[in-house]
Every structure is written in C-alpha cells, then in structure tokens.
Amino acid sequence: MTALIYCSFPDQETAAKIGATLLDEELIGCINIGGPIHSLFAWDGERGEGTEVPALLKTHARLLDSAIARLESLHPYDAPAIVGWNCDAAGAATQAWLDGVGPALGG
C-alpha cells in the first residue's frame, strides 16, 4: 500500500539533503520539493509568518512510521509539522514501484 508524507522545510537545500538521506536509508522512494510558499502560523501563543518549502514524500505504508520518525529526527525545526497517511488507491505502476522500497523483506 502506498503512503504519503507532507512536510515543510526552511529551504530547498535542507529538503534535498534530508530527502537524499531518507532515500539512501530506503525509507522513501521519492521526494517532490516545491517552490517557496508563504506560511502564516500560530506558535507558542503568538502569530508568525515566514517562507518555507513544501515537500511530498512517497513511500510504502509499512515504512510510514519509520520514515516519519527519521524525518522528525533529521529536521532542523524543534517541532516540524509532519503529516503522513496511507493512500486509498494508487496506480498499478506506482504501487509496484513503492512495493520495492525499503530493505528486503524477510532478511
């Protein structure tokens, strides 16, 4: 089953570096890094705003919790906003690709 993770980063370089680590560790199959977005937020009882870079990470559902935990440990924010979910449907080619993500099963 396919799973997705959404997270924002302070810049594209940070997103790419963390994405490369997650790829190397076989926790994701892909990271799509977007262009800058303007974020408005509430944090510690105050309003804030800033520029961030969104990313969508693709993985297999069996790796979702591990990928999120590792992403959180690598992320430079003290409390990064990371959300992940299992997908209800995926194309056959996408599912076959993501079925191969991760360490060999049974090894």
PDB file of N, CA and C in Angstrom:
ATOM      1  N   MET A   1       0.843  -1.184   0.000  1.00  0.00           N
ATOM      2  CA  MET A   1       0.000   0.000   0.000  1.00  0.00           C
ATOM      3  C   MET A   1       0.885   1.243   0.000  1.00  0.00           C
ATOM      4  N   THR A   2       0.500   2.217  -0.741  1.00  0.00           N
ATOM      5  CA  THR A   2       1.222   3.473  -0.865  1.00  0.00           C
ATOM      6  C   THR A   2       0.907   4.393   0.308  1.00  0.00           C
ATOM      7  N   ALA A   3       1.899   5.180   0.711  1.00  0.00           N
ATOM      8  CA  ALA A   3       1.713   6.185   1.752  1.00  0.00           C
ATOM      9  C   ALA A   3       2.405   7.468   1.320  1.00  0.00           C
ATOM     10  N   LEU A   4       1.907   8.591   1.822  1.00  0.00           N
ATOM     11  CA  LEU A   4       2.466   9.902   1.531  1.00  0.00           C
ATOM     12  C   LEU A   4       2.794  10.620   2.836  1.00  0.00           C
ATOM     13  N   ILE A   5       3.789  11.490   2.768  1.00  0.00           N
ATOM     14  CA  ILE A   5       4.168  12.330   3.901  1.00  0.00           C
ATOM     15  C   ILE A   5       4.287  13.759   3.381  1.00  0.00           C
ATOM     16  N   TYR A   6       3.693  14.687   4.106  1.00  0.00           N
ATOM     17  CA  TYR A   6       3.831  16.105   3.778  1.00  0.00           C
ATOM     18  C   TYR A   6       4.619  16.773   4.892  1.00  0.00           C
ATOM     19  N   CYS A   7       5.545  17.627   4.492  1.00  0.00           N
ATOM     20  CA  CYS A   7       6.351  18.353   5.462  1.00  0.00           C
ATOM     21  C   CYS A   7       6.864  19.620   4.804  1.00  0.00           C
ATOM     22  N   SER A   8       7.029  20.674   5.584  1.00  0.00           N
ATOM     23  CA  SER A   8       7.666  21.881   5.058  1.00  0.00           C
ATOM     24  C   SER A   8       9.061  22.015   5.660  1.00  0.00           C
ATOM     25  N   PHE A   9       9.930  22.675   4.903  1.00  0.00           N
ATOM     26  CA  PHE A   9      11.339  22.840   5.270  1.00  0.00           C
ATOM     27  C   PHE A   9      11.705  24.317   5.188  1.00  0.00           C
ATOM     28  N   PRO A  10      12.809  24.704   5.820  1.00  0.00           N
ATOM     29  CA  PRO A  10      13.199  26.115   5.745  1.00  0.00           C
ATOM     30  C   PRO A  10      13.685  26.542   4.360  1.00  0.00           C
ATOM     31  N   ASP A  11      14.199  25.578   3.550  1.00  0.00           N
ATOM     32  CA  ASP A  11      14.694  25.912   2.214  1.00  0.00           C
ATOM     33  C   ASP A  11      14.833  24.628   1.391  1.00  0.00           C
ATOM     34  N   GLN A  12      15.067  24.798   0.091  1.00  0.00           N
ATOM     35  CA  GLN A  12      15.164  23.650  -0.810  1.00  0.00           C
ATOM     36  C   GLN A  12      16.395  22.793  -0.525  1.00  0.00           C
ATOM     37  N   GLU A  13      17.481  23.412  -0.130  1.00  0.00           N
ATOM     38  CA  GLU A  13      18.703  22.656   0.162  1.00  0.00           C
ATOM     39  C   GLU A  13      18.502  21.703   1.328  1.00  0.00           C
ATOM     40  N   THR A  14      17.831  22.163   2.363  1.00  0.00           N
ATOM     41  CA  THR A  14      17.563  21.311   3.526  1.00  0.00           C
ATOM     42  C   THR A  14      16.647  20.169   3.135  1.00  0.00           C
ATOM     43  N   ALA A  15      15.612  20.466   2.370  1.00  0.00           N
ATOM     44  CA  ALA A  15      14.686  19.424   1.920  1.00  0.00           C
ATOM     45  C   ALA A  15      15.425  18.377   1.095  1.00  0.00           C
ATOM     46  N   ALA A  16      16.290  18.831   0.190  1.00  0.00           N
ATOM     47  CA  ALA A  16      17.034  17.902  -0.669  1.00  0.00           C
ATOM     48  C   ALA A  16      18.000  17.048   0.151  1.00  0.00           C
ATOM     49  N   LYS A  17      18.675  17.640   1.103  1.00  0.00           N
ATOM     50  CA  LYS A  17      19.633  16.893   1.927  1.00  0.00           C
ATOM     51  C   LYS A  17      18.921  15.825   2.750  1.00  0.00           C
ATOM     52  N   ILE A  18      17.831  16.191   3.386  1.00  0.00           N
ATOM     53  CA  ILE A  18      17.079  15.226   4.195  1.00  0.00           C
ATOM     54  C   ILE A  18      16.437  14.175   3.297  1.00  0.00           C
ATOM     55  N   GLY A  19      15.887  14.604   2.157  1.00  0.00           N
ATOM     56  CA  GLY A  19      15.306  13.658   1.218  1.00  0.00           C
ATOM     57  C   GLY A  19      16.327  12.642   0.735  1.00  0.00           C
ATOM     58  N   ALA A  20      17.545  13.101   0.445  1.00  0.00           N
ATOM     59  CA  ALA A  20      18.605  12.198  -0.006  1.00  0.00           C
ATOM     60  C   ALA A  20      18.950  11.176   1.078  1.00  0.00           C
ATOM     61  N   THR A  21      18.977  11.621   2.322  1.00  0.00           N
ATOM     62  CA  THR A  21      19.251  10.698   3.428  1.00  0.00           C
ATOM     63  C   THR A  21      18.160   9.638   3.525  1.00  0.00           C
ATOM     64  N   LEU A  22      16.906  10.057   3.436  1.00  0.00           N
ATOM     65  CA  LEU A  22      15.796   9.100   3.520  1.00  0.00           C
ATOM     66  C   LEU A  22      15.806   8.129   2.340  1.00  0.00           C
ATOM     67  N   LEU A  23      16.201   8.605   1.159  1.00  0.00           N
ATOM     68  CA  LEU A  23      16.360   7.717   0.008  1.00  0.00           C
ATOM     69  C   LEU A  23      17.493   6.723   0.248  1.00  0.00           C
ATOM     70  N   ASP A  24      18.621   7.227   0.729  1.00  0.00           N
ATOM     71  CA  ASP A  24      19.771   6.351   0.999  1.00  0.00           C
ATOM     72  C   ASP A  24      19.443   5.286   2.044  1.00  0.00           C
ATOM     73  N   GLU A  25      18.610   5.655   3.014  1.00  0.00           N
ATOM     74  CA  GLU A  25      18.232   4.721   4.080  1.00  0.00           C
ATOM     75  C   GLU A  25      17.043   3.841   3.685  1.00  0.00           C
ATOM     76  N   GLU A  26      16.592   3.976   2.435  1.00  0.00           N
ATOM     77  CA  GLU A  26      15.498   3.174   1.876  1.00  0.00           C
ATOM     78  C   GLU A  26      14.188   3.318   2.654  1.00  0.00           C
ATOM     79  N   LEU A  27      13.932   4.540   3.140  1.00  0.00           N
ATOM     80  CA  LEU A  27      12.681   4.808   3.844  1.00  0.00           C
ATOM     81  C   LEU A  27      11.639   5.458   2.949  1.00  0.00           C
ATOM     82  N   ILE A  28      12.074   6.026   1.830  1.00  0.00           N
ATOM     83  CA  ILE A  28      11.158   6.628   0.862  1.00  0.00           C
ATOM     84  C   ILE A  28      11.599   6.226  -0.546  1.00  0.00           C
ATOM     85  N   GLY A  29      10.691   6.398  -1.484  1.00  0.00           N
ATOM     86  CA  GLY A  29      11.006   6.156  -2.884  1.00  0.00           C
ATOM     87  C   GLY A  29      11.207   7.438  -3.659  1.00  0.00           C
ATOM     88  N   CYS A  30      10.737   8.572  -3.090  1.00  0.00           N
ATOM     89  CA  CYS A  30      10.778   9.836  -3.819  1.00  0.00           C
ATOM     90  C   CYS A  30      10.463  10.983  -2.877  1.00  0.00           C
ATOM     91  N   ILE A  31      11.044  12.139  -3.157  1.00  0.00           N
ATOM     92  CA  ILE A  31      10.640  13.384  -2.517  1.00  0.00           C
ATOM     93  C   ILE A  31      10.422  14.414  -3.612  1.00  0.00           C
ATOM     94  N   ASN A  32       9.269  15.029  -3.619  1.00  0.00           N
ATOM     95  CA  ASN A  32       8.977  16.135  -4.528  1.00  0.00           C
ATOM     96  C   ASN A  32       9.108  17.419  -3.719  1.00  0.00           C
ATOM     97  N   ILE A  33      10.025  18.282  -4.126  1.00  0.00           N
ATOM     98  CA  ILE A  33      10.313  19.512  -3.396  1.00  0.00           C
ATOM     99  C   ILE A  33       9.734  20.677  -4.174  1.00  0.00           C
ATOM    100  N   GLY A  34       8.855  21.417  -3.530  1.00  0.00           N
ATOM    101  CA  GLY A  34       8.187  22.528  -4.186  1.00  0.00           C
ATOM    102  C   GLY A  34       8.975  23.823  -4.078  1.00  0.00           C
ATOM    103  N   GLY A  35       8.384  24.867  -4.648  1.00  0.00           N
ATOM    104  CA  GLY A  35       8.961  26.201  -4.558  1.00  0.00           C
ATOM    105  C   GLY A  35       8.544  26.874  -3.267  1.00  0.00           C
ATOM    106  N   PRO A  36       9.116  28.004  -2.982  1.00  0.00           N
ATOM    107  CA  PRO A  36       8.805  28.705  -1.733  1.00  0.00           C
ATOM    108  C   PRO A  36       7.317  29.018  -1.591  1.00  0.00           C
ATOM    109  N   ILE A  37       6.838  28.885  -0.374  1.00  0.00           N
ATOM    110  CA  ILE A  37       5.468  29.263  -0.019  1.00  0.00           C
ATOM    111  C   ILE A  37       5.537  30.220   1.166  1.00  0.00           C
ATOM    112  N   HIS A  38       4.531  31.052   1.297  1.00  0.00           N
ATOM    113  CA  HIS A  38       4.443  31.975   2.422  1.00  0.00           C
ATOM    114  C   HIS A  38       3.565  31.325   3.481  1.00  0.00           C
ATOM    115  N   SER A  39       4.080  31.145   4.675  1.00  0.00           N
ATOM    116  CA  SER A  39       3.340  30.479   5.750  1.00  0.00           C
ATOM    117  C   SER A  39       2.959  31.470   6.840  1.00  0.00           C
ATOM    118  N   LEU A  40       1.714  31.380   7.267  1.00  0.00           N
ATOM    119  CA  LEU A  40       1.222  32.084   8.454  1.00  0.00           C
ATOM    120  C   LEU A  40       0.922  31.013   9.486  1.00  0.00           C
ATOM    121  N   PHE A  41       1.320  31.238  10.742  1.00  0.00           N
ATOM    122  CA  PHE A  41       1.132  30.190  11.732  1.00  0.00           C
ATOM    123  C   PHE A  41       0.994  30.767  13.129  1.00  0.00           C
ATOM    124  N   ALA A  42       0.468  29.937  14.018  1.00  0.00           N
ATOM    125  CA  ALA A  42       0.414  30.253  15.442  1.00  0.00           C
ATOM    126  C   ALA A  42       1.376  29.304  16.139  1.00  0.00           C
ATOM    127  N   TRP A  43       2.261  29.853  16.972  1.00  0.00           N
ATOM    128  CA  TRP A  43       3.248  29.030  17.673  1.00  0.00           C
ATOM    129  C   TRP A  43       3.550  29.661  19.025  1.00  0.00           C
ATOM    130  N   ASP A  44       3.469  28.863  20.068  1.00  0.00           N
ATOM    131  CA  ASP A  44       3.721  29.336  21.434  1.00  0.00           C
ATOM    132  C   ASP A  44       2.869  30.553  21.768  1.00  0.00           C
ATOM    133  N   GLY A  45       1.620  30.534  21.321  1.00  0.00           N
ATOM    134  CA  GLY A  45       0.686  31.599  21.644  1.00  0.00           C
ATOM    135  C   GLY A  45       0.866  32.876  20.852  1.00  0.00           C
ATOM    136  N   GLU A  46       1.725  32.881  19.864  1.00  0.00           N
ATOM    137  CA  GLU A  46       1.949  34.074  19.062  1.00  0.00           C
ATOM    138  C   GLU A  46       1.777  33.764  17.582  1.00  0.00           C
ATOM    139  N   ARG A  47       1.456  34.804  16.802  1.00  0.00           N
ATOM    140  CA  ARG A  47       1.365  34.668  15.349  1.00  0.00           C
ATOM    141  C   ARG A  47       2.734  34.843  14.745  1.00  0.00           C
ATOM    142  N   GLY A  48       2.985  34.093  13.693  1.00  0.00           N
ATOM    143  CA  GLY A  48       4.240  34.225  12.974  1.00  0.00           C
ATOM    144  C   GLY A  48       4.014  34.050  11.494  1.00  0.00           C
ATOM    145  N   GLU A  49       5.029  34.355  10.711  1.00  0.00           N
ATOM    146  CA  GLU A  49       4.977  34.119   9.287  1.00  0.00           C
ATOM    147  C   GLU A  49       6.393  33.971   8.764  1.00  0.00           C
ATOM    148  N   GLY A  50       6.486  33.313   7.632  1.00  0.00           N
ATOM    149  CA  GLY A  50       7.789  33.105   7.045  1.00  0.00           C
ATOM    150  C   GLY A  50       7.685  32.384   5.718  1.00  0.00           C
ATOM    151  N   THR A  51       8.808  32.190   5.088  1.00  0.00           N
ATOM    152  CA  THR A  51       8.880  31.467   3.830  1.00  0.00           C
ATOM    153  C   THR A  51       9.388  30.064   4.107  1.00  0.00           C
ATOM    154  N   GLU A  52       8.712  29.084   3.540  1.00  0.00           N
ATOM    155  CA  GLU A  52       9.093  27.691   3.688  1.00  0.00           C
ATOM    156  C   GLU A  52       9.026  27.009   2.323  1.00  0.00           C
ATOM    157  N   VAL A  53       9.500  25.776   2.287  1.00  0.00           N
ATOM    158  CA  VAL A  53       9.463  24.973   1.067  1.00  0.00           C
ATOM    159  C   VAL A  53       8.705  23.688   1.392  1.00  0.00           C
ATOM    160  N   PRO A  54       7.597  23.417   0.678  1.00  0.00           N
ATOM    161  CA  PRO A  54       6.833  22.197   0.935  1.00  0.00           C
ATOM    162  C   PRO A  54       7.443  20.996   0.215  1.00  0.00           C
ATOM    163  N   ALA A  55       7.232  19.827   0.792  1.00  0.00           N
ATOM    164  CA  ALA A  55       7.691  18.599   0.141  1.00  0.00           C
ATOM    165  C   ALA A  55       6.671  17.494   0.367  1.00  0.00           C
ATOM    166  N   LEU A  56       6.543  16.661  -0.644  1.00  0.00           N
ATOM    167  CA  LEU A  56       5.698  15.480  -0.581  1.00  0.00           C
ATOM    168  C   LEU A  56       6.606  14.277  -0.785  1.00  0.00           C
ATOM    169  N   LEU A  57       6.578  13.369   0.182  1.00  0.00           N
ATOM    170  CA  LEU A  57       7.427  12.191   0.137  1.00  0.00           C
ATOM    171  C   LEU A  57       6.564  10.977  -0.105  1.00  0.00           C
ATOM    172  N   LYS A  58       7.032  10.092  -0.985  1.00  0.00           N
ATOM    173  CA  LYS A  58       6.284   8.881  -1.333  1.00  0.00           C
ATOM    174  C   LYS A  58       7.006   7.673  -0.750  1.00  0.00           C
ATOM    175  N   THR A  59       6.230   6.766  -0.136  1.00  0.00           N
ATOM    176  CA  THR A  59       6.807   5.583   0.473  1.00  0.00           C
ATOM    177  C   THR A  59       5.789   4.448   0.466  1.00  0.00           C
ATOM    178  N   HIS A  60       6.160   3.342   1.065  1.00  0.00           N
ATOM    179  CA  HIS A  60       5.246   2.217   1.243  1.00  0.00           C
ATOM    180  C   HIS A  60       4.653   2.327   2.645  1.00  0.00           C
ATOM    181  N   ALA A  61       3.417   1.907   2.806  1.00  0.00           N
ATOM    182  CA  ALA A  61       2.726   2.029   4.095  1.00  0.00           C
ATOM    183  C   ALA A  61       3.485   1.346   5.233  1.00  0.00           C
ATOM    184  N   ARG A  62       4.173   0.229   4.957  1.00  0.00           N
ATOM    185  CA  ARG A  62       4.896  -0.468   6.022  1.00  0.00           C
ATOM    186  C   ARG A  62       6.071   0.349   6.549  1.00  0.00           C
ATOM    187  N   LEU A  63       6.503   1.382   5.788  1.00  0.00           N
ATOM    188  CA  LEU A  63       7.622   2.231   6.185  1.00  0.00           C
ATOM    189  C   LEU A  63       7.190   3.587   6.734  1.00  0.00           C
ATOM    190  N   LEU A  64       5.889   3.851   6.736  1.00  0.00           N
ATOM    191  CA  LEU A  64       5.394   5.187   7.061  1.00  0.00           C
ATOM    192  C   LEU A  64       5.859   5.656   8.438  1.00  0.00           C
ATOM    193  N   ASP A  65       5.643   4.875   9.470  1.00  0.00           N
ATOM    194  CA  ASP A  65       6.017   5.310  10.817  1.00  0.00           C
ATOM    195  C   ASP A  65       7.522   5.509  10.945  1.00  0.00           C
ATOM    196  N   SER A  66       8.313   4.614  10.382  1.00  0.00           N
ATOM    197  CA  SER A  66       9.773   4.739  10.435  1.00  0.00           C
ATOM    198  C   SER A  66      10.255   5.962   9.668  1.00  0.00           C
ATOM    199  N   ALA A  67       9.657   6.209   8.505  1.00  0.00           N
ATOM    200  CA  ALA A  67      10.048   7.367   7.695  1.00  0.00           C
ATOM    201  C   ALA A  67       9.716   8.665   8.428  1.00  0.00           C
ATOM    202  N   ILE A  68       8.559   8.734   9.054  1.00  0.00           N
ATOM    203  CA  ILE A  68       8.177   9.936   9.799  1.00  0.00           C
ATOM    204  C   ILE A  68       9.113  10.150  10.983  1.00  0.00           C
ATOM    205  N   ALA A  69       9.402   9.093  11.731  1.00  0.00           N
ATOM    206  CA  ALA A  69      10.281   9.221  12.898  1.00  0.00           C
ATOM    207  C   ALA A  69      11.671   9.705  12.469  1.00  0.00           C
ATOM    208  N   ARG A  70      12.195   9.155  11.382  1.00  0.00           N
ATOM    209  CA  ARG A  70      13.521   9.556  10.916  1.00  0.00           C
ATOM    210  C   ARG A  70      13.506  10.982  10.387  1.00  0.00           C
ATOM    211  N   LEU A  71      12.468  11.345   9.648  1.00  0.00           N
ATOM    212  CA  LEU A  71      12.323  12.712   9.156  1.00  0.00           C
ATOM    213  C   LEU A  71      12.296  13.693  10.319  1.00  0.00           C
ATOM    214  N   GLU A  72      11.552  13.359  11.344  1.00  0.00           N
ATOM    215  CA  GLU A  72      11.468  14.240  12.514  1.00  0.00           C
ATOM    216  C   GLU A  72      12.829  14.391  13.191  1.00  0.00           C
ATOM    217  N   SER A  73      13.607  13.305  13.240  1.00  0.00           N
ATOM    218  CA  SER A  73      14.922  13.385  13.887  1.00  0.00           C
ATOM    219  C   SER A  73      15.923  14.200  13.065  1.00  0.00           C
ATOM    220  N   LEU A  74      15.772  14.226  11.750  1.00  0.00           N
ATOM    221  CA  LEU A  74      16.682  14.961  10.878  1.00  0.00           C
ATOM    222  C   LEU A  74      16.302  16.426  10.685  1.00  0.00           C
ATOM    223  N   HIS A  75      15.048  16.737  10.904  1.00  0.00           N
ATOM    224  CA  HIS A  75      14.513  18.068  10.584  1.00  0.00           C
ATOM    225  C   HIS A  75      15.112  19.140  11.491  1.00  0.00           C
ATOM    226  N   PRO A  76      15.455  20.310  10.943  1.00  0.00           N
ATOM    227  CA  PRO A  76      16.066  21.357  11.766  1.00  0.00           C
ATOM    228  C   PRO A  76      15.094  22.094  12.696  1.00  0.00           C
ATOM    229  N   TYR A  77      13.788  22.032  12.434  1.00  0.00           N
ATOM    230  CA  TYR A  77      12.834  22.702  13.321  1.00  0.00           C
ATOM    231  C   TYR A  77      12.716  21.931  14.635  1.00  0.00           C
ATOM    232  N   ASP A  78      12.444  22.645  15.721  1.00  0.00           N
ATOM    233  CA  ASP A  78      12.229  21.996  17.019  1.00  0.00           C
ATOM    234  C   ASP A  78      11.004  21.096  16.999  1.00  0.00           C
ATOM    235  N   ALA A  79       9.968  21.543  16.322  1.00  0.00           N
ATOM    236  CA  ALA A  79       8.716  20.778  16.248  1.00  0.00           C
ATOM    237  C   ALA A  79       8.166  20.870  14.829  1.00  0.00           C
ATOM    238  N   PRO A  80       8.766  20.131  13.892  1.00  0.00           N
ATOM    239  CA  PRO A  80       8.313  20.221  12.499  1.00  0.00           C
ATOM    240  C   PRO A  80       6.893  19.680  12.327  1.00  0.00           C
ATOM    241  N   ALA A  81       6.162  20.298  11.426  1.00  0.00           N
ATOM    242  CA  ALA A  81       4.822  19.820  11.077  1.00  0.00           C
ATOM    243  C   ALA A  81       4.977  18.730  10.025  1.00  0.00           C
ATOM    244  N   ILE A  82       4.770  17.496  10.434  1.00  0.00           N
ATOM    245  CA  ILE A  82       4.896  16.345   9.548  1.00  0.00           C
ATOM    246  C   ILE A  82       3.593  15.562   9.629  1.00  0.00           C
ATOM    247  N   VAL A  83       2.970  15.330   8.490  1.00  0.00           N
ATOM    248  CA  VAL A  83       1.760  14.514   8.470  1.00  0.00           C
ATOM    249  C   VAL A  83       1.926  13.416   7.425  1.00  0.00           C
ATOM    250  N   GLY A  84       1.486  12.230   7.767  1.00  0.00           N
ATOM    251  CA  GLY A  84       1.567  11.105   6.853  1.00  0.00           C
ATOM    252  C   GLY A  84       0.263  10.340   6.837  1.00  0.00           C
ATOM    253  N   TRP A  85      -0.021   9.718   5.711  1.00  0.00           N
ATOM    254  CA  TRP A  85      -1.253   8.957   5.598  1.00  0.00           C
ATOM    255  C   TRP A  85      -1.107   7.849   4.556  1.00  0.00           C
ATOM    256  N   ASN A  86      -1.876   6.804   4.754  1.00  0.00           N
ATOM    257  CA  ASN A  86      -1.964   5.724   3.770  1.00  0.00           C
ATOM    258  C   ASN A  86      -2.924   6.150   2.675  1.00  0.00           C
ATOM    259  N   CYS A  87      -2.595   5.826   1.448  1.00  0.00           N
ATOM    260  CA  CYS A  87      -3.436   6.182   0.307  1.00  0.00           C
ATOM    261  C   CYS A  87      -4.465   5.081   0.060  1.00  0.00           C
ATOM    262  N   ASP A  88      -5.669   5.487  -0.272  1.00  0.00           N
ATOM    263  CA  ASP A  88      -6.734   4.533  -0.560  1.00  0.00           C
ATOM    264  C   ASP A  88      -6.548   3.866  -1.916  1.00  0.00           C
ATOM    265  N   ALA A  89      -5.849   4.524  -2.810  1.00  0.00           N
ATOM    266  CA  ALA A  89      -5.670   3.978  -4.151  1.00  0.00           C
ATOM    267  C   ALA A  89      -4.377   4.521  -4.744  1.00  0.00           C
ATOM    268  N   ALA A  90      -3.813   3.748  -5.661  1.00  0.00           N
ATOM    269  CA  ALA A  90      -2.615   4.177  -6.396  1.00  0.00           C
ATOM    270  C   ALA A  90      -2.603   3.446  -7.724  1.00  0.00           C
ATOM    271  N   GLY A  91      -1.977   4.037  -8.712  1.00  0.00           N
ATOM    272  CA  GLY A  91      -1.827   3.373  -9.993  1.00  0.00           C
ATOM    273  C   GLY A  91      -1.000   2.106  -9.838  1.00  0.00           C
ATOM    274  N   ALA A  92      -1.231   1.150 -10.694  1.00  0.00           N
ATOM    275  CA  ALA A  92      -0.530  -0.131 -10.610  1.00  0.00           C
ATOM    276  C   ALA A  92       0.984   0.045 -10.689  1.00  0.00           C
ATOM    277  N   ALA A  93       1.457   0.911 -11.579  1.00  0.00           N
ATOM    278  CA  ALA A  93       2.900   1.123 -11.717  1.00  0.00           C
ATOM    279  C   ALA A  93       3.469   1.786 -10.468  1.00  0.00           C
ATOM    280  N   THR A  94       2.740   2.749  -9.916  1.00  0.00           N
ATOM    281  CA  THR A  94       3.191   3.420  -8.693  1.00  0.00           C
ATOM    282  C   THR A  94       3.260   2.433  -7.546  1.00  0.00           C
ATOM    283  N   GLN A  95       2.236   1.615  -7.398  1.00  0.00           N
ATOM    284  CA  GLN A  95       2.216   0.643  -6.309  1.00  0.00           C
ATOM    285  C   GLN A  95       3.348  -0.371  -6.460  1.00  0.00           C
ATOM    286  N   ALA A  96       3.580  -0.859  -7.667  1.00  0.00           N
ATOM    287  CA  ALA A  96       4.660  -1.824  -7.886  1.00  0.00           C
ATOM    288  C   ALA A  96       6.004  -1.202  -7.541  1.00  0.00           C
ATOM    289  N   TRP A  97       6.218   0.059  -7.925  1.00  0.00           N
ATOM    290  CA  TRP A  97       7.458   0.776  -7.616  1.00  0.00           C
ATOM    291  C   TRP A  97       7.649   0.881  -6.108  1.00  0.00           C
ATOM    292  N   LEU A  98       6.611   1.347  -5.403  1.00  0.00           N
ATOM    293  CA  LEU A  98       6.747   1.553  -3.957  1.00  0.00           C
ATOM    294  C   LEU A  98       6.758   0.245  -3.177  1.00  0.00           C
ATOM    295  N   ASP A  99       6.234  -0.834  -3.758  1.00  0.00           N
ATOM    296  CA  ASP A  99       6.361  -2.132  -3.118  1.00  0.00           C
ATOM    297  C   ASP A  99       7.831  -2.530  -2.958  1.00  0.00           C
ATOM    298  N   GLY A 100       8.677  -2.003  -3.842  1.00  0.00           N
ATOM    299  CA  GLY A 100      10.095  -2.335  -3.801  1.00  0.00           C
ATOM    300  C   GLY A 100      10.930  -1.434  -2.921  1.00  0.00           C
ATOM    301  N   VAL A 101      10.312  -0.430  -2.300  1.00  0.00           N
ATOM    302  CA  VAL A 101      11.045   0.490  -1.437  1.00  0.00           C
ATOM    303  C   VAL A 101      11.283  -0.181  -0.082  1.00  0.00           C
ATOM    304  N   GLY A 102      12.459   0.048   0.446  1.00  0.00           N
ATOM    305  CA  GLY A 102      12.779  -0.469   1.776  1.00  0.00           C
ATOM    306  C   GLY A 102      13.696  -1.658   1.712  1.00  0.00           C
ATOM    307  N   PRO A 103      14.216  -2.021   2.876  1.00  0.00           N
ATOM    308  CA  PRO A 103      15.087  -3.191   2.938  1.00  0.00           C
ATOM    309  C   PRO A 103      14.339  -4.447   2.498  1.00  0.00           C
ATOM    310  N   ALA A 104      15.057  -5.401   1.996  1.00  0.00           N
ATOM    311  CA  ALA A 104      14.443  -6.667   1.559  1.00  0.00           C
ATOM    312  C   ALA A 104      13.676  -7.291   2.719  1.00  0.00           C
ATOM    313  N   LEU A 105      12.468  -7.706   2.443  1.00  0.00           N
ATOM    314  CA  LEU A 105      11.647  -8.337   3.478  1.00  0.00           C
ATOM    315  C   LEU A 105      12.181  -9.724   3.790  1.00  0.00           C
ATOM    316  N   GLY A 106      12.097 -10.083   5.055  1.00  0.00           N
ATOM    317  CA  GLY A 106      12.499 -11.402   5.474  1.00  0.00           C
ATOM    318  C   GLY A 106      13.998 -11.588   5.602  1.00  0.00           C
ATOM    319  N   GLY A 107      14.755 -10.472   5.468  1.00  0.00           N
ATOM    320  CA  GLY A 107      16.212 -10.582   5.500  1.00  0.00           C
ATOM    321  C   GLY A 107      16.837 -10.265   6.793  1.00  0.00           C
TER     322      GLY A 107
END
